[in-house]
Every structure is written in structure tokens, then in C-alpha cells.
């Protein structure tokens, strides 16, 4: 197999795994399944705070960090950021 000046040869001789959707469909599904329980626990805590009769401000103060951490975890898992870091 000949390579041009702009291409580098793959030392293993195998092509990367990609499917018709770009190979990220499985990663996105796995990421959503990994993050969903933690998001549900966080939103459940906000609901419990609101149902206990505390000021609604406390529920809305806790919600942004929960959403931020969930989105950050989803991005990390869906892009395989941790792949090859061991």
C-alpha cells in the first residue's frame, strides 16, 4: 500500500473503526446512560428541597452545578476523552 506525502501509514495496518454515522453513535448512547442516573439524583434532590418548603432560591442555586457537571461528564464520555490515558 503506497502513501502520499500528506498521508502517514498506519503501523498496525488496520483501518480505524467507523460506521455510517461516524462511529460516535454508540459513544453518545453510552455517555447518556452513564450520566443519566447522576442527573436524576441531582434533579431529585432539587425536587425534595422544593417539596420540603424551603425557599425556591435554594433549589435554583443547586440546579446549575448539577446541570454543569452532568453536561461536562456527558462531553467527556461521548468524545472518549479518557481513551488512552491509562
PDB file of N, CA and C in Angstrom:
ATOM      1  N   UNK A   1       0.842  -1.157   0.000  1.00  0.00           N
ATOM      2  CA  UNK A   1       0.000   0.000   0.000  1.00  0.00           C
ATOM      3  C   UNK A   1       0.900   1.236   0.000  1.00  0.00           C
ATOM      4  N   UNK A   2       0.752   2.082  -0.957  1.00  0.00           N
ATOM      5  CA  UNK A   2       1.569   3.281  -1.084  1.00  0.00           C
ATOM      6  C   UNK A   2       0.869   4.455  -0.418  1.00  0.00           C
ATOM      7  N   UNK A   3       1.665   5.318   0.192  1.00  0.00           N
ATOM      8  CA  UNK A   3       1.111   6.513   0.821  1.00  0.00           C
ATOM      9  C   UNK A   3       1.686   7.735   0.140  1.00  0.00           C
ATOM     10  N   UNK A   4       0.890   8.781   0.100  1.00  0.00           N
ATOM     11  CA  UNK A   4       1.367  10.029  -0.482  1.00  0.00           C
ATOM     12  C   UNK A   4       2.098  10.821   0.582  1.00  0.00           C
ATOM     13  N   UNK A   5       2.651  11.940   0.212  1.00  0.00           N
ATOM     14  CA  UNK A   5       3.429  12.750   1.141  1.00  0.00           C
ATOM     15  C   UNK A   5       2.578  13.273   2.290  1.00  0.00           C
ATOM     16  N   UNK A   6       1.293  13.495   2.058  1.00  0.00           N
ATOM     17  CA  UNK A   6       0.422  14.042   3.094  1.00  0.00           C
ATOM     18  C   UNK A   6      -0.168  12.993   4.018  1.00  0.00           C
ATOM     19  N   UNK A   7      -0.024  11.702   3.665  1.00  0.00           N
ATOM     20  CA  UNK A   7      -0.599  10.641   4.476  1.00  0.00           C
ATOM     21  C   UNK A   7       0.490   9.940   5.264  1.00  0.00           C
ATOM     22  N   UNK A   8       0.124   9.460   6.433  1.00  0.00           N
ATOM     23  CA  UNK A   8       1.035   8.642   7.209  1.00  0.00           C
ATOM     24  C   UNK A   8       0.493   7.227   7.216  1.00  0.00           C
ATOM     25  N   UNK A   9       1.365   6.275   7.131  1.00  0.00           N
ATOM     26  CA  UNK A   9       0.939   4.878   7.137  1.00  0.00           C
ATOM     27  C   UNK A   9       0.570   4.470   8.553  1.00  0.00           C
ATOM     28  N   UNK A  10      -0.495   3.686   8.674  1.00  0.00           N
ATOM     29  CA  UNK A  10      -0.915   3.152   9.963  1.00  0.00           C
ATOM     30  C   UNK A  10      -0.024   1.962  10.288  1.00  0.00           C
ATOM     31  N   UNK A  11       0.728   1.999  11.398  1.00  0.00           N
ATOM     32  CA  UNK A  11       1.666   0.915  11.676  1.00  0.00           C
ATOM     33  C   UNK A  11       0.984  -0.433  11.905  1.00  0.00           C
ATOM     34  N   UNK A  12      -0.247  -0.439  12.363  1.00  0.00           N
ATOM     35  CA  UNK A  12      -0.921  -1.709  12.609  1.00  0.00           C
ATOM     36  C   UNK A  12      -1.514  -2.289  11.341  1.00  0.00           C
ATOM     37  N   UNK A  13      -1.674  -1.479  10.313  1.00  0.00           N
ATOM     38  CA  UNK A  13      -2.206  -1.951   9.052  1.00  0.00           C
ATOM     39  C   UNK A  13      -3.712  -2.098   9.050  1.00  0.00           C
ATOM     40  N   UNK A  14      -4.383  -1.641  10.090  1.00  0.00           N
ATOM     41  CA  UNK A  14      -5.839  -1.758  10.150  1.00  0.00           C
ATOM     42  C   UNK A  14      -6.454  -0.385  10.020  1.00  0.00           C
ATOM     43  N   UNK A  15      -7.647  -0.358   9.524  1.00  0.00           N
ATOM     44  CA  UNK A  15      -8.387   0.893   9.391  1.00  0.00           C
ATOM     45  C   UNK A  15      -9.079   1.202  10.721  1.00  0.00           C
ATOM     46  N   UNK A  16      -9.269   2.464  11.080  1.00  0.00           N
ATOM     47  CA  UNK A  16      -9.997   2.793  12.307  1.00  0.00           C
ATOM     48  C   UNK A  16     -11.452   2.368  12.204  1.00  0.00           C
ATOM     49  N   UNK A  17     -12.021   2.017  13.352  1.00  0.00           N
ATOM     50  CA  UNK A  17     -13.414   1.587  13.384  1.00  0.00           C
ATOM     51  C   UNK A  17     -14.338   2.780  13.211  1.00  0.00           C
ATOM     52  N   UNK A  18     -15.054   2.808  12.111  1.00  0.00           N
ATOM     53  CA  UNK A  18     -16.074   3.821  11.886  1.00  0.00           C
ATOM     54  C   UNK A  18     -17.259   3.145  11.239  1.00  0.00           C
ATOM     55  N   UNK A  19     -18.438   3.597  11.601  1.00  0.00           N
ATOM     56  CA  UNK A  19     -19.627   3.094  10.932  1.00  0.00           C
ATOM     57  C   UNK A  19     -20.229   4.228  10.118  1.00  0.00           C
ATOM     58  N   UNK A  20     -21.405   4.016   9.585  1.00  0.00           N
ATOM     59  CA  UNK A  20     -22.019   5.008   8.704  1.00  0.00           C
ATOM     60  C   UNK A  20     -22.265   6.339   9.400  1.00  0.00           C
ATOM     61  N   UNK A  21     -22.476   6.315  10.730  1.00  0.00           N
ATOM     62  CA  UNK A  21     -22.768   7.555  11.449  1.00  0.00           C
ATOM     63  C   UNK A  21     -21.517   8.206  12.007  1.00  0.00           C
ATOM     64  N   UNK A  22     -20.356   7.743  11.627  1.00  0.00           N
ATOM     65  CA  UNK A  22     -19.135   8.357  12.108  1.00  0.00           C
ATOM     66  C   UNK A  22     -18.569   7.667  13.330  1.00  0.00           C
ATOM     67  N   UNK A  23     -19.195   6.604  13.821  1.00  0.00           N
ATOM     68  CA  UNK A  23     -18.679   5.854  14.943  1.00  0.00           C
ATOM     69  C   UNK A  23     -18.973   6.456  16.300  1.00  0.00           C
ATOM     70  N   UNK A  24     -19.686   7.561  16.355  1.00  0.00           N
ATOM     71  CA  UNK A  24     -19.909   8.193  17.649  1.00  0.00           C
ATOM     72  C   UNK A  24     -21.297   7.917  18.210  1.00  0.00           C
ATOM     73  N   UNK A  25     -22.142   7.229  17.462  1.00  0.00           N
ATOM     74  CA  UNK A  25     -23.492   6.951  17.948  1.00  0.00           C
ATOM     75  C   UNK A  25     -23.499   6.100  19.198  1.00  0.00           C
ATOM     76  N   UNK A  26     -22.643   5.088  19.221  1.00  0.00           N
ATOM     77  CA  UNK A  26     -22.559   4.215  20.390  1.00  0.00           C
ATOM     78  C   UNK A  26     -21.992   4.982  21.583  1.00  0.00           C
ATOM     79  N   UNK A  27     -21.006   5.837  21.357  1.00  0.00           N
ATOM     80  CA  UNK A  27     -20.403   6.604  22.442  1.00  0.00           C
ATOM     81  C   UNK A  27     -21.407   7.571  23.058  1.00  0.00           C
ATOM     82  N   UNK A  28     -22.221   8.196  22.221  1.00  0.00           N
ATOM     83  CA  UNK A  28     -23.217   9.131  22.760  1.00  0.00           C
ATOM     84  C   UNK A  28     -24.263   8.397  23.584  1.00  0.00           C
ATOM     85  N   UNK A  29     -24.677   7.227  23.117  1.00  0.00           N
ATOM     86  CA  UNK A  29     -25.675   6.457  23.860  1.00  0.00           C
ATOM     87  C   UNK A  29     -25.097   5.996  25.191  1.00  0.00           C
ATOM     88  N   UNK A  30     -23.866   5.493  25.168  1.00  0.00           N
ATOM     89  CA  UNK A  30     -23.225   5.040  26.398  1.00  0.00           C
ATOM     90  C   UNK A  30     -23.019   6.207  27.369  1.00  0.00           C
ATOM     91  N   UNK A  31     -22.657   7.370  26.841  1.00  0.00           N
ATOM     92  CA  UNK A  31     -22.456   8.551  27.686  1.00  0.00           C
ATOM     93  C   UNK A  31     -23.761   8.980  28.341  1.00  0.00           C
ATOM     94  N   UNK A  32     -24.846   8.964  27.576  1.00  0.00           N
ATOM     95  CA  UNK A  32     -26.145   9.345  28.144  1.00  0.00           C
ATOM     96  C   UNK A  32     -26.565   8.369  29.226  1.00  0.00           C
ATOM     97  N   UNK A  33     -26.344   7.081  28.996  1.00  0.00           N
ATOM     98  CA  UNK A  33     -26.701   6.088  30.009  1.00  0.00           C
ATOM     99  C   UNK A  33     -25.826   6.198  31.252  1.00  0.00           C
ATOM    100  N   UNK A  34     -24.590   6.627  31.102  1.00  0.00           N
ATOM    101  CA  UNK A  34     -23.691   6.775  32.248  1.00  0.00           C
ATOM    102  C   UNK A  34     -24.034   8.013  33.078  1.00  0.00           C
ATOM    103  N   UNK A  35     -24.487   9.077  32.435  1.00  0.00           N
ATOM    104  CA  UNK A  35     -24.736  10.344  33.129  1.00  0.00           C
ATOM    105  C   UNK A  35     -26.158  10.431  33.671  1.00  0.00           C
ATOM    106  N   UNK A  36     -27.090   9.739  33.048  1.00  0.00           N
ATOM    107  CA  UNK A  36     -28.495   9.850  33.415  1.00  0.00           C
ATOM    108  C   UNK A  36     -28.796   9.562  34.890  1.00  0.00           C
ATOM    109  N   UNK A  37     -28.236   8.532  35.528  1.00  0.00           N
ATOM    110  CA  UNK A  37     -28.540   8.316  36.952  1.00  0.00           C
ATOM    111  C   UNK A  37     -28.112   9.474  37.853  1.00  0.00           C
ATOM    112  N   UNK A  38     -26.958  10.050  37.562  1.00  0.00           N
ATOM    113  CA  UNK A  38     -26.479  11.169  38.383  1.00  0.00           C
ATOM    114  C   UNK A  38     -27.319  12.426  38.169  1.00  0.00           C
ATOM    115  N   UNK A  39     -27.746  12.633  36.952  1.00  0.00           N
ATOM    116  CA  UNK A  39     -28.633  13.757  36.669  1.00  0.00           C
ATOM    117  C   UNK A  39     -29.972  13.564  37.378  1.00  0.00           C
ATOM    118  N   UNK A  40     -30.480  12.345  37.376  1.00  0.00           N
ATOM    119  CA  UNK A  40     -31.753  12.058  38.046  1.00  0.00           C
ATOM    120  C   UNK A  40     -31.640  12.258  39.558  1.00  0.00           C
ATOM    121  N   UNK A  41     -30.531  11.837  40.142  1.00  0.00           N
ATOM    122  CA  UNK A  41     -30.334  12.044  41.583  1.00  0.00           C
ATOM    123  C   UNK A  41     -30.267  13.535  41.902  1.00  0.00           C
ATOM    124  N   UNK A  42     -29.550  14.301  41.098  1.00  0.00           N
ATOM    125  CA  UNK A  42     -29.440  15.736  41.339  1.00  0.00           C
ATOM    126  C   UNK A  42     -30.767  16.455  41.211  1.00  0.00           C
ATOM    127  N   UNK A  43     -31.527  16.137  40.162  1.00  0.00           N
ATOM    128  CA  UNK A  43     -32.841  16.775  39.984  1.00  0.00           C
ATOM    129  C   UNK A  43     -33.791  16.309  41.085  1.00  0.00           C
ATOM    130  N   UNK A  44     -33.663  15.058  41.499  1.00  0.00           N
ATOM    131  CA  UNK A  44     -34.481  14.567  42.614  1.00  0.00           C
ATOM    132  C   UNK A  44     -34.192  15.320  43.907  1.00  0.00           C
ATOM    133  N   UNK A  45     -32.934  15.643  44.148  1.00  0.00           N
ATOM    134  CA  UNK A  45     -32.579  16.433  45.329  1.00  0.00           C
ATOM    135  C   UNK A  45     -33.204  17.826  45.267  1.00  0.00           C
ATOM    136  N   UNK A  46     -33.200  18.433  44.097  1.00  0.00           N
ATOM    137  CA  UNK A  46     -33.816  19.751  43.947  1.00  0.00           C
ATOM    138  C   UNK A  46     -35.317  19.663  44.223  1.00  0.00           C
ATOM    139  N   UNK A  47     -35.952  18.615  43.716  1.00  0.00           N
ATOM    140  CA  UNK A  47     -37.389  18.434  43.950  1.00  0.00           C
ATOM    141  C   UNK A  47     -37.668  18.236  45.438  1.00  0.00           C
ATOM    142  N   UNK A  48     -36.840  17.446  46.118  1.00  0.00           N
ATOM    143  CA  UNK A  48     -37.027  17.246  47.567  1.00  0.00           C
ATOM    144  C   UNK A  48     -36.857  18.552  48.334  1.00  0.00           C
ATOM    145  N   UNK A  49     -35.890  19.356  47.932  1.00  0.00           N
ATOM    146  CA  UNK A  49     -35.689  20.655  48.591  1.00  0.00           C
ATOM    147  C   UNK A  49     -36.928  21.526  48.420  1.00  0.00           C
ATOM    148  N   UNK A  50     -37.472  21.539  47.216  1.00  0.00           N
ATOM    149  CA  UNK A  50     -38.654  22.363  46.968  1.00  0.00           C
ATOM    150  C   UNK A  50     -39.880  21.825  47.689  1.00  0.00           C
ATOM    151  N   UNK A  51     -39.996  20.491  47.792  1.00  0.00           N
ATOM    152  CA  UNK A  51     -41.157  19.901  48.471  1.00  0.00           C
ATOM    153  C   UNK A  51     -41.100  20.070  49.992  1.00  0.00           C
ATOM    154  N   UNK A  52     -39.917  20.250  50.554  1.00  0.00           N
ATOM    155  CA  UNK A  52     -39.791  20.438  51.999  1.00  0.00           C
ATOM    156  C   UNK A  52     -40.194  21.836  52.432  1.00  0.00           C
ATOM    157  N   UNK A  53     -40.451  22.685  51.508  1.00  0.00           N
ATOM    158  CA  UNK A  53     -40.923  24.023  51.851  1.00  0.00           C
ATOM    159  C   UNK A  53     -39.819  25.039  52.018  1.00  0.00           C
ATOM    160  N   UNK A  54     -38.598  24.708  51.628  1.00  0.00           N
ATOM    161  CA  UNK A  54     -37.526  25.694  51.700  1.00  0.00           C
ATOM    162  C   UNK A  54     -37.721  26.728  50.604  1.00  0.00           C
ATOM    163  N   UNK A  55     -36.994  27.787  50.710  1.00  0.00           N
ATOM    164  CA  UNK A  55     -37.078  28.844  49.703  1.00  0.00           C
ATOM    165  C   UNK A  55     -36.745  28.268  48.328  1.00  0.00           C
ATOM    166  N   UNK A  56     -37.525  28.603  47.307  1.00  0.00           N
ATOM    167  CA  UNK A  56     -37.230  28.101  45.954  1.00  0.00           C
ATOM    168  C   UNK A  56     -35.852  28.527  45.446  1.00  0.00           C
ATOM    169  N   UNK A  57     -35.318  29.602  46.011  1.00  0.00           N
ATOM    170  CA  UNK A  57     -34.000  30.063  45.600  1.00  0.00           C
ATOM    171  C   UNK A  57     -32.936  28.996  45.843  1.00  0.00           C
ATOM    172  N   UNK A  58     -33.068  28.231  46.937  1.00  0.00           N
ATOM    173  CA  UNK A  58     -32.088  27.191  47.232  1.00  0.00           C
ATOM    174  C   UNK A  58     -32.097  26.104  46.155  1.00  0.00           C
ATOM    175  N   UNK A  59     -33.268  25.738  45.691  1.00  0.00           N
ATOM    176  CA  UNK A  59     -33.352  24.747  44.624  1.00  0.00           C
ATOM    177  C   UNK A  59     -32.717  25.234  43.339  1.00  0.00           C
ATOM    178  N   UNK A  60     -32.934  26.504  43.028  1.00  0.00           N
ATOM    179  CA  UNK A  60     -32.370  27.049  41.796  1.00  0.00           C
ATOM    180  C   UNK A  60     -30.879  27.344  41.932  1.00  0.00           C
ATOM    181  N   UNK A  61     -30.382  27.509  43.159  1.00  0.00           N
ATOM    182  CA  UNK A  61     -28.942  27.674  43.353  1.00  0.00           C
ATOM    183  C   UNK A  61     -28.204  26.348  43.198  1.00  0.00           C
ATOM    184  N   UNK A  62     -28.852  25.261  43.532  1.00  0.00           N
ATOM    185  CA  UNK A  62     -28.220  23.948  43.440  1.00  0.00           C
ATOM    186  C   UNK A  62     -28.305  23.390  42.016  1.00  0.00           C
ATOM    187  N   UNK A  63     -29.304  23.777  41.253  1.00  0.00           N
ATOM    188  CA  UNK A  63     -29.520  23.218  39.922  1.00  0.00           C
ATOM    189  C   UNK A  63     -28.393  23.505  38.916  1.00  0.00           C
ATOM    190  N   UNK A  64     -27.845  24.722  38.804  1.00  0.00           N
ATOM    191  CA  UNK A  64     -26.787  24.953  37.796  1.00  0.00           C
ATOM    192  C   UNK A  64     -25.547  24.078  37.960  1.00  0.00           C
ATOM    193  N   UNK A  65     -25.008  23.870  39.179  1.00  0.00           N
ATOM    194  CA  UNK A  65     -23.847  22.962  39.274  1.00  0.00           C
ATOM    195  C   UNK A  65     -24.178  21.528  38.886  1.00  0.00           C
ATOM    196  N   UNK A  66     -25.400  21.091  39.192  1.00  0.00           N
ATOM    197  CA  UNK A  66     -25.815  19.733  38.816  1.00  0.00           C
ATOM    198  C   UNK A  66     -25.841  19.614  37.297  1.00  0.00           C
ATOM    199  N   UNK A  67     -26.431  20.580  36.626  1.00  0.00           N
ATOM    200  CA  UNK A  67     -26.502  20.546  35.170  1.00  0.00           C
ATOM    201  C   UNK A  67     -25.114  20.682  34.536  1.00  0.00           C
ATOM    202  N   UNK A  68     -24.285  21.560  35.087  1.00  0.00           N
ATOM    203  CA  UNK A  68     -22.944  21.755  34.552  1.00  0.00           C
ATOM    204  C   UNK A  68     -22.122  20.477  34.646  1.00  0.00           C
ATOM    205  N   UNK A  69     -22.135  19.828  35.797  1.00  0.00           N
ATOM    206  CA  UNK A  69     -21.366  18.588  35.964  1.00  0.00           C
ATOM    207  C   UNK A  69     -21.903  17.476  35.073  1.00  0.00           C
ATOM    208  N   UNK A  70     -23.212  17.424  34.896  1.00  0.00           N
ATOM    209  CA  UNK A  70     -23.794  16.399  34.026  1.00  0.00           C
ATOM    210  C   UNK A  70     -23.397  16.618  32.574  1.00  0.00           C
ATOM    211  N   UNK A  71     -23.446  17.859  32.105  1.00  0.00           N
ATOM    212  CA  UNK A  71     -23.055  18.157  30.722  1.00  0.00           C
ATOM    213  C   UNK A  71     -21.567  17.903  30.531  1.00  0.00           C
ATOM    214  N   UNK A  72     -20.756  18.278  31.496  1.00  0.00           N
ATOM    215  CA  UNK A  72     -19.317  18.048  31.401  1.00  0.00           C
ATOM    216  C   UNK A  72     -19.004  16.557  31.352  1.00  0.00           C
ATOM    217  N   UNK A  73     -19.656  15.770  32.193  1.00  0.00           N
ATOM    218  CA  UNK A  73     -19.450  14.316  32.178  1.00  0.00           C
ATOM    219  C   UNK A  73     -19.911  13.721  30.852  1.00  0.00           C
ATOM    220  N   UNK A  74     -21.036  14.200  30.323  1.00  0.00           N
ATOM    221  CA  UNK A  74     -21.519  13.705  29.027  1.00  0.00           C
ATOM    222  C   UNK A  74     -20.496  13.987  27.925  1.00  0.00           C
ATOM    223  N   UNK A  75     -19.939  15.197  27.913  1.00  0.00           N
ATOM    224  CA  UNK A  75     -18.952  15.535  26.886  1.00  0.00           C
ATOM    225  C   UNK A  75     -17.706  14.667  26.999  1.00  0.00           C
ATOM    226  N   UNK A  76     -17.268  14.413  28.220  1.00  0.00           N
ATOM    227  CA  UNK A  76     -16.077  13.588  28.413  1.00  0.00           C
ATOM    228  C   UNK A  76     -16.328  12.164  27.938  1.00  0.00           C
ATOM    229  N   UNK A  77     -17.463  11.594  28.322  1.00  0.00           N
ATOM    230  CA  UNK A  77     -17.747  10.207  27.939  1.00  0.00           C
ATOM    231  C   UNK A  77     -18.052  10.078  26.451  1.00  0.00           C
ATOM    232  N   UNK A  78     -18.742  11.044  25.860  1.00  0.00           N
ATOM    233  CA  UNK A  78     -19.149  10.905  24.463  1.00  0.00           C
ATOM    234  C   UNK A  78     -18.003  11.131  23.489  1.00  0.00           C
ATOM    235  N   UNK A  79     -16.990  11.886  23.880  1.00  0.00           N
ATOM    236  CA  UNK A  79     -15.864  12.137  22.981  1.00  0.00           C
ATOM    237  C   UNK A  79     -14.694  11.215  23.258  1.00  0.00           C
ATOM    238  N   UNK A  80     -14.841  10.258  24.159  1.00  0.00           N
ATOM    239  CA  UNK A  80     -13.768   9.331  24.538  1.00  0.00           C
ATOM    240  C   UNK A  80     -12.514  10.083  24.937  1.00  0.00           C
ATOM    241  N   UNK A  81     -12.681  11.144  25.716  1.00  0.00           N
ATOM    242  CA  UNK A  81     -11.560  11.975  26.164  1.00  0.00           C
ATOM    243  C   UNK A  81     -10.589  11.165  27.007  1.00  0.00           C
ATOM    244  N   UNK A  82     -11.104  10.191  27.748  1.00  0.00           N
ATOM    245  CA  UNK A  82     -10.253   9.412  28.639  1.00  0.00           C
ATOM    246  C   UNK A  82      -9.614   8.209  27.947  1.00  0.00           C
ATOM    247  N   UNK A  83      -9.870   8.019  26.672  1.00  0.00           N
ATOM    248  CA  UNK A  83      -9.310   6.896  25.920  1.00  0.00           C
ATOM    249  C   UNK A  83      -7.801   7.034  25.812  1.00  0.00           C
ATOM    250  N   UNK A  84      -7.081   6.002  26.178  1.00  0.00           N
ATOM    251  CA  UNK A  84      -5.624   6.004  26.062  1.00  0.00           C
ATOM    252  C   UNK A  84      -4.914   6.750  27.163  1.00  0.00           C
ATOM    253  N   UNK A  85      -5.598   7.055  28.254  1.00  0.00           N
ATOM    254  CA  UNK A  85      -4.973   7.799  29.353  1.00  0.00           C
ATOM    255  C   UNK A  85      -4.492   6.881  30.471  1.00  0.00           C
ATOM    256  N   UNK A  86      -4.592   5.577  30.303  1.00  0.00           N
ATOM    257  CA  UNK A  86      -4.185   4.669  31.381  1.00  0.00           C
ATOM    258  C   UNK A  86      -2.738   4.315  31.305  1.00  0.00           C
TER     259      UNK A  86
END
